[in-house]
C-alpha atoms as a PDB file:
ATOM      1  CA  MET A   1     151.455   3.872 168.602  1.00  0.00           C
ATOM      2  CA  LYS A   2     149.055   3.390 165.671  1.00  0.00           C
ATOM      3  CA  ARG A   3     146.986   6.283 166.935  1.00  0.00           C
ATOM      4  CA  LEU A   4     150.061   8.539 167.069  1.00  0.00           C
ATOM      5  CA  VAL A   5     150.991   7.581 163.490  1.00  0.00           C
ATOM      6  CA  LYS A   6     147.429   8.385 162.332  1.00  0.00           C
ATOM      7  CA  ILE A   7     147.536  11.758 164.058  1.00  0.00           C
ATOM      8  CA  LEU A   8     150.937  12.612 162.554  1.00  0.00           C
ATOM      9  CA  LEU A   9     149.849  11.458 159.100  1.00  0.00           C
ATOM     10  CA  GLY A  10     146.646  13.517 159.375  1.00  0.00           C
ATOM     11  CA  THR A  11     148.655  16.582 160.404  1.00  0.00           C
ATOM     12  CA  VAL A  12     151.071  16.182 157.484  1.00  0.00           C
ATOM     13  CA  ILE A  13     148.167  15.832 155.037  1.00  0.00           C
ATOM     14  CA  ALA A  14     146.361  18.854 156.519  1.00  0.00           C
ATOM     15  CA  VAL A  15     149.482  21.031 156.259  1.00  0.00           C
ATOM     16  CA  GLY A  16     150.041  19.836 152.683  1.00  0.00           C
ATOM     17  CA  VAL A  17     146.491  20.734 151.679  1.00  0.00           C
ATOM     18  CA  LEU A  18     146.831  24.102 153.396  1.00  0.00           C
ATOM     19  CA  VAL A  19     150.037  24.811 151.443  1.00  0.00           C
ATOM     20  CA  ILE A  20     148.448  23.828 148.119  1.00  0.00           C
ATOM     21  CA  VAL A  21     145.272  25.886 148.677  1.00  0.00           C
ATOM     22  CA  ALA A  22     147.207  28.933 149.821  1.00  0.00           C
ATOM     23  CA  SER A  23     149.627  28.611 146.901  1.00  0.00           C
ATOM     24  CA  LEU A  24     146.794  28.551 144.400  1.00  0.00           C
ATOM     25  CA  TRP A  25     145.100  31.503 146.097  1.00  0.00           C
ATOM     26  CA  ALA A  26     148.288  33.543 146.268  1.00  0.00           C
ATOM     27  CA  GLY A  27     149.534  32.446 142.836  1.00  0.00           C
ATOM     28  CA  GLN A  28     152.832  31.253 144.254  1.00  0.00           C
ATOM     29  CA  GLU A  29     154.873  28.261 143.219  1.00  0.00           C
ATOM     30  CA  LEU A  30     154.577  25.335 145.626  1.00  0.00           C
ATOM     31  CA  LYS A  31     158.349  25.050 146.125  1.00  0.00           C
ATOM     32  CA  ASN A  32     158.460  28.624 147.484  1.00  0.00           C
ATOM     33  CA  THR A  33     155.634  28.270 150.010  1.00  0.00           C
ATOM     34  CA  THR A  34     156.120  27.353 153.650  1.00  0.00           C
ATOM     35  CA  PRO A  35     153.236  26.336 155.942  1.00  0.00           C
ATOM     36  CA  GLU A  36     153.527  29.720 157.671  1.00  0.00           C
ATOM     37  CA  GLN A  37     153.192  31.536 154.324  1.00  0.00           C
ATOM     38  CA  ALA A  38     150.202  29.376 153.409  1.00  0.00           C
ATOM     39  CA  ALA A  39     148.429  30.163 156.667  1.00  0.00           C
ATOM     40  CA  GLN A  40     149.171  33.881 156.216  1.00  0.00           C
ATOM     41  CA  ALA A  41     147.813  33.839 152.631  1.00  0.00           C
ATOM     42  CA  LEU A  42     144.541  32.300 153.813  1.00  0.00           C
ATOM     43  CA  GLN A  43     144.144  35.003 156.451  1.00  0.00           C
ATOM     44  CA  GLN A  44     144.553  37.898 154.017  1.00  0.00           C
ATOM     45  CA  SER A  45     141.875  40.548 153.874  1.00  0.00           C
ATOM     46  CA  ASP A  46     139.068  40.537 151.327  1.00  0.00           C
ATOM     47  CA  PRO A  47     140.058  40.692 147.651  1.00  0.00           C
ATOM     48  CA  PRO A  48     140.154  44.169 146.072  1.00  0.00           C
ATOM     49  CA  LYS A  49     137.205  45.723 144.255  1.00  0.00           C
ATOM     50  CA  PHE A  50     137.173  45.454 140.470  1.00  0.00           C
ATOM     51  CA  ASN A  51     138.237  48.541 138.501  1.00  0.00           C
ATOM     52  CA  MET A  52     139.028  48.568 134.799  1.00  0.00           C
ATOM     53  CA  ARG A  53     139.631  52.086 133.503  1.00  0.00           C
ATOM     54  CA  GLY A  54     136.947  53.513 135.762  1.00  0.00           C
ATOM     55  CA  LEU A  55     134.397  50.711 135.307  1.00  0.00           C
ATOM     56  CA  THR A  56     133.591  49.646 138.857  1.00  0.00           C
ATOM     57  CA  PRO A  57     130.752  47.714 140.474  1.00  0.00           C
ATOM     58  CA  ASN A  58     127.634  49.894 140.863  1.00  0.00           C
ATOM     59  CA  LEU A  59     128.910  52.572 138.451  1.00  0.00           C
ATOM     60  CA  ARG A  60     125.821  54.267 137.034  1.00  0.00           C
ATOM     61  CA  LEU A  61     125.263  54.271 133.270  1.00  0.00           C
ATOM     62  CA  ALA A  62     124.882  58.068 133.218  1.00  0.00           C
ATOM     63  CA  ASP A  63     128.272  58.436 134.951  1.00  0.00           C
ATOM     64  CA  ALA A  64     129.925  56.012 132.514  1.00  0.00           C
ATOM     65  CA  LYS A  65     128.548  58.032 129.607  1.00  0.00           C
ATOM     66  CA  SER A  66     129.576  61.383 131.124  1.00  0.00           C
ATOM     67  CA  LYS A  67     133.124  60.038 131.659  1.00  0.00           C
ATOM     68  CA  GLN A  68     133.034  58.827 128.024  1.00  0.00           C
ATOM     69  CA  LEU A  69     133.780  55.248 129.055  1.00  0.00           C
ATOM     70  CA  VAL A  70     130.977  53.806 126.917  1.00  0.00           C
ATOM     71  CA  SER A  71     129.035  54.705 123.773  1.00  0.00           C
ATOM     72  CA  GLY A  72     126.553  53.203 121.316  1.00  0.00           C
ATOM     73  CA  CYS A  73     124.248  51.892 124.013  1.00  0.00           C
ATOM     74  CA  ASP A  74     121.153  49.782 123.381  1.00  0.00           C
ATOM     75  CA  THR A  75     118.601  48.987 126.101  1.00  0.00           C
ATOM     76  CA  GLN A  76     116.468  45.855 126.194  1.00  0.00           C
ATOM     77  CA  ASP A  77     114.294  45.220 129.254  1.00  0.00           C
ATOM     78  CA  ASN A  78     116.442  46.114 132.273  1.00  0.00           C
ATOM     79  CA  MET A  79     119.810  45.533 130.518  1.00  0.00           C
ATOM     80  CA  THR A  80     121.739  48.172 128.580  1.00  0.00           C
ATOM     81  CA  TRP A  81     124.611  46.999 126.364  1.00  0.00           C
ATOM     82  CA  CYS A  82     127.276  49.522 125.355  1.00  0.00           C
ATOM     83  CA  GLU A  83     130.587  49.511 123.515  1.00  0.00           C
ATOM     84  CA  LEU A  84     133.774  50.626 125.221  1.00  0.00           C
ATOM     85  CA  THR A  85     134.679  54.060 123.880  1.00  0.00           C
ATOM     86  CA  ASP A  86     138.347  53.050 123.894  1.00  0.00           C
ATOM     87  CA  PRO A  87     138.641  49.360 122.924  1.00  0.00           C
ATOM     88  CA  VAL A  88     142.308  49.116 123.954  1.00  0.00           C
ATOM     89  CA  ILE A  89     142.640  46.790 126.956  1.00  0.00           C
ATOM     90  CA  ALA A  90     145.961  45.693 128.434  1.00  0.00           C
ATOM     91  CA  GLY A  91     147.723  47.556 125.647  1.00  0.00           C
ATOM     92  CA  ARG A  92     145.987  45.617 122.840  1.00  0.00           C
ATOM     93  CA  HIS A  93     143.057  46.581 120.635  1.00  0.00           C
ATOM     94  CA  SER A  94     140.101  44.278 121.329  1.00  0.00           C
ATOM     95  CA  LEU A  95     138.164  42.845 118.396  1.00  0.00           C
ATOM     96  CA  GLU A  96     134.918  43.360 120.295  1.00  0.00           C
ATOM     97  CA  SER A  97     134.209  44.907 123.687  1.00  0.00           C
ATOM     98  CA  GLN A  98     130.837  45.179 125.385  1.00  0.00           C
ATOM     99  CA  VAL A  99     129.765  46.552 128.745  1.00  0.00           C
ATOM    100  CA  ALA A 100     126.437  45.643 130.337  1.00  0.00           C
ATOM    101  CA  PHE A 101     124.485  47.759 132.783  1.00  0.00           C
ATOM    102  CA  GLU A 102     121.593  46.220 134.723  1.00  0.00           C
ATOM    103  CA  ASN A 103     119.023  48.649 136.124  1.00  0.00           C
ATOM    104  CA  ASP A 104     121.416  51.462 135.108  1.00  0.00           C
ATOM    105  CA  HIS A 105     124.367  50.043 137.132  1.00  0.00           C
ATOM    106  CA  PHE A 106     127.536  48.386 135.801  1.00  0.00           C
ATOM    107  CA  LYS A 107     127.083  44.612 135.669  1.00  0.00           C
ATOM    108  CA  MET A 108     129.701  43.026 133.392  1.00  0.00           C
ATOM    109  CA  ILE A 109     132.262  43.537 130.662  1.00  0.00           C
ATOM    110  CA  TYR A 110     133.678  41.241 128.007  1.00  0.00           C
ATOM    111  CA  ALA A 111     136.219  41.686 125.256  1.00  0.00           C
ATOM    112  CA  THR A 112     137.659  39.375 122.615  1.00  0.00           C
ATOM    113  CA  PHE A 113     141.175  39.477 121.180  1.00  0.00           C
ATOM    114  CA  GLY A 114     142.788  37.901 118.130  1.00  0.00           C
ATOM    115  CA  GLN A 115     145.117  34.949 118.236  1.00  0.00           C
ATOM    116  CA  GLY A 116     148.718  34.905 119.322  1.00  0.00           C
ATOM    117  CA  ILE A 117     148.568  37.578 122.022  1.00  0.00           C
ATOM    118  CA  PHE A 118     147.235  35.642 125.031  1.00  0.00           C
ATOM    119  CA  SER A 119     150.573  35.596 126.886  1.00  0.00           C
ATOM    120  CA  GLU A 120     151.180  39.291 126.256  1.00  0.00           C
ATOM    121  CA  ILE A 121     147.754  40.291 127.583  1.00  0.00           C
ATOM    122  CA  LEU A 122     148.098  37.875 130.507  1.00  0.00           C
ATOM    123  CA  GLU A 123     151.320  39.563 131.621  1.00  0.00           C
ATOM    124  CA  ALA A 124     149.696  43.013 131.372  1.00  0.00           C
ATOM    125  CA  LEU A 125     146.743  41.787 133.466  1.00  0.00           C
ATOM    126  CA  ARG A 126     149.083  40.263 136.073  1.00  0.00           C
ATOM    127  CA  SER A 127     150.936  43.553 136.242  1.00  0.00           C
ATOM    128  CA  ALA A 128     147.690  45.498 136.737  1.00  0.00           C
ATOM    129  CA  TYR A 129     145.770  43.088 139.012  1.00  0.00           C
ATOM    130  CA  GLY A 130     148.447  40.935 140.657  1.00  0.00           C
ATOM    131  CA  ALA A 131     148.447  37.175 140.998  1.00  0.00           C
ATOM    132  CA  PRO A 132     145.307  35.351 139.842  1.00  0.00           C
ATOM    133  CA  CYS A 133     143.281  33.277 142.305  1.00  0.00           C
ATOM    134  CA  GLN A 134     142.860  30.356 139.892  1.00  0.00           C
ATOM    135  CA  ILE A 135     144.689  28.978 136.845  1.00  0.00           C
ATOM    136  CA  SER A 136     143.615  25.939 134.859  1.00  0.00           C
ATOM    137  CA  THR A 137     144.480  24.277 131.571  1.00  0.00           C
ATOM    138  CA  LYS A 138     142.088  22.303 129.401  1.00  0.00           C
ATOM    139  CA  ARG A 139     142.757  20.212 126.306  1.00  0.00           C
ATOM    140  CA  LEU A 140     140.671  21.497 123.363  1.00  0.00           C
ATOM    141  CA  GLN A 141     140.153  20.255 119.830  1.00  0.00           C
ATOM    142  CA  ASN A 142     139.165  22.358 116.811  1.00  0.00           C
ATOM    143  CA  ALA A 143     137.014  21.346 113.820  1.00  0.00           C
ATOM    144  CA  PHE A 144     140.095  19.951 112.035  1.00  0.00           C
ATOM    145  CA  SER A 145     140.868  17.642 114.996  1.00  0.00           C
ATOM    146  CA  ALA A 146     143.938  19.641 115.993  1.00  0.00           C
ATOM    147  CA  GLU A 147     144.427  19.628 119.761  1.00  0.00           C
ATOM    148  CA  PHE A 148     145.907  22.347 121.931  1.00  0.00           C
ATOM    149  CA  ASP A 149     145.984  23.452 125.546  1.00  0.00           C
ATOM    150  CA  SER A 150     143.595  26.208 126.517  1.00  0.00           C
ATOM    151  CA  ARG A 151     144.430  28.286 129.563  1.00  0.00           C
ATOM    152  CA  GLU A 152     141.905  29.894 131.876  1.00  0.00           C
ATOM    153  CA  VAL A 153     143.029  32.482 134.408  1.00  0.00           C
ATOM    154  CA  VAL A 154     140.731  33.963 137.072  1.00  0.00           C
ATOM    155  CA  TRP A 155     141.206  37.000 139.311  1.00  0.00           C
ATOM    156  CA  CYS A 156     138.929  37.172 142.368  1.00  0.00           C
ATOM    157  CA  PHE A 157     137.516  40.502 143.432  1.00  0.00           C
ATOM    158  CA  ASN A 158     135.213  41.575 146.188  1.00  0.00           C
ATOM    159  CA  GLY A 159     131.833  40.744 144.662  1.00  0.00           C
ATOM    160  CA  GLY A 160     132.927  39.255 141.340  1.00  0.00           C
ATOM    161  CA  GLU A 161     135.663  37.806 139.202  1.00  0.00           C
ATOM    162  CA  MET A 162     137.538  38.493 135.997  1.00  0.00           C
ATOM    163  CA  THR A 163     138.263  35.557 133.687  1.00  0.00           C
ATOM    164  CA  PHE A 164     140.765  35.478 130.825  1.00  0.00           C
ATOM    165  CA  ILE A 165     140.635  32.396 128.594  1.00  0.00           C
ATOM    166  CA  GLU A 166     141.771  31.031 125.264  1.00  0.00           C
ATOM    167  CA  ARG A 167     139.064  29.492 123.105  1.00  0.00           C
ATOM    168  CA  THR A 168     138.470  28.286 119.563  1.00  0.00           C
ATOM    169  CA  THR A 169     135.606  29.610 117.458  1.00  0.00           C
ATOM    170  CA  GLU A 170     135.178  28.805 113.791  1.00  0.00           C
ATOM    171  CA  ASN A 171     138.669  27.275 113.732  1.00  0.00           C
ATOM    172  CA  VAL A 172     140.293  30.454 115.071  1.00  0.00           C
ATOM    173  CA  ARG A 173     142.034  30.527 118.408  1.00  0.00           C
ATOM    174  CA  GLU A 174     141.229  33.713 120.286  1.00  0.00           C
ATOM    175  CA  SER A 175     141.171  35.113 123.814  1.00  0.00           C
ATOM    176  CA  LEU A 176     138.218  36.292 125.863  1.00  0.00           C
ATOM    177  CA  LEU A 177     138.347  38.604 128.869  1.00  0.00           C
ATOM    178  CA  SER A 178     135.269  38.997 131.054  1.00  0.00           C
ATOM    179  CA  TYR A 179     134.237  40.374 134.416  1.00  0.00           C
ATOM    180  CA  ALA A 180     130.933  39.576 136.076  1.00  0.00           C
ATOM    181  CA  PRO A 181     129.663  39.726 139.646  1.00  0.00           C
ATOM    182  CA  TYR A 182     128.993  36.659 141.732  1.00  0.00           C
ATOM    183  CA  GLU A 183     125.365  35.625 141.776  1.00  0.00           C
ATOM    184  CA  PRO A 184     124.133  35.952 145.379  1.00  0.00           C
ATOM    185  CA  SER A 185     123.015  32.327 145.613  1.00  0.00           C
ATOM    186  CA  GLU A 186     126.061  30.892 143.836  1.00  0.00           C
ATOM    187  CA  ALA A 187     129.087  32.950 144.900  1.00  0.00           C
ATOM    188  CA  PRO A 188     131.817  32.354 144.025  1.00  0.00           C
ATOM    189  CA  LYS A 189     130.903  31.317 140.483  1.00  0.00           C
ATOM    190  CA  GLN A 190     133.156  30.999 137.473  1.00  0.00           C
ATOM    191  CA  PHE A 191     131.604  32.556 134.368  1.00  0.00           C
ATOM    192  CA  THR A 192     132.173  31.111 130.926  1.00  0.00           C
ATOM    193  CA  PRO A 193     131.731  32.873 127.563  1.00  0.00           C
ATOM    194  CA  ASP A 194     128.404  31.084 127.029  1.00  0.00           C
ATOM    195  CA  GLU A 195     127.012  32.581 130.243  1.00  0.00           C
ATOM    196  CA  ILE A 196     127.794  36.186 129.331  1.00  0.00           C
END
């Protein structure tokens, strides 16, 4: 009898974990997910390939320039940093936007946005890329000891991930959007603004 109870309890826990993991992966609310839906979500095909206005993994620098996606490039060692020709992302003008090419192939992008538009950009990104694969909230404190919740949203792609976060710099709350490939030895890896 005790063995049967242990088996049933183990099964219930396993199904619960499966539902939670699948819900986070699929971006669904837990109350709307059945065990069958969770199992189906885990068996989905590979995530899509990243594409932001024509910037795709392995895009060559010369092609990005000819398509007028980037300008103002500066090369140091094997990395070339360029500005986006059109700094409007998700319908909002970015304060700064940089694209990196490693060995003449697209490597990463990052853009910063002013305060107060995180939710608006988040909805535009959800509309363009679907449900994120990870969402987290962290409690942050600025230089004046004010505390606030910072959200971090991650979309998983085949070979990399896009991260959209809120952060505080010099007492200003802003948003940062970045895409970078997984490092071969560390995939999947979550990139932070300090690593870009």
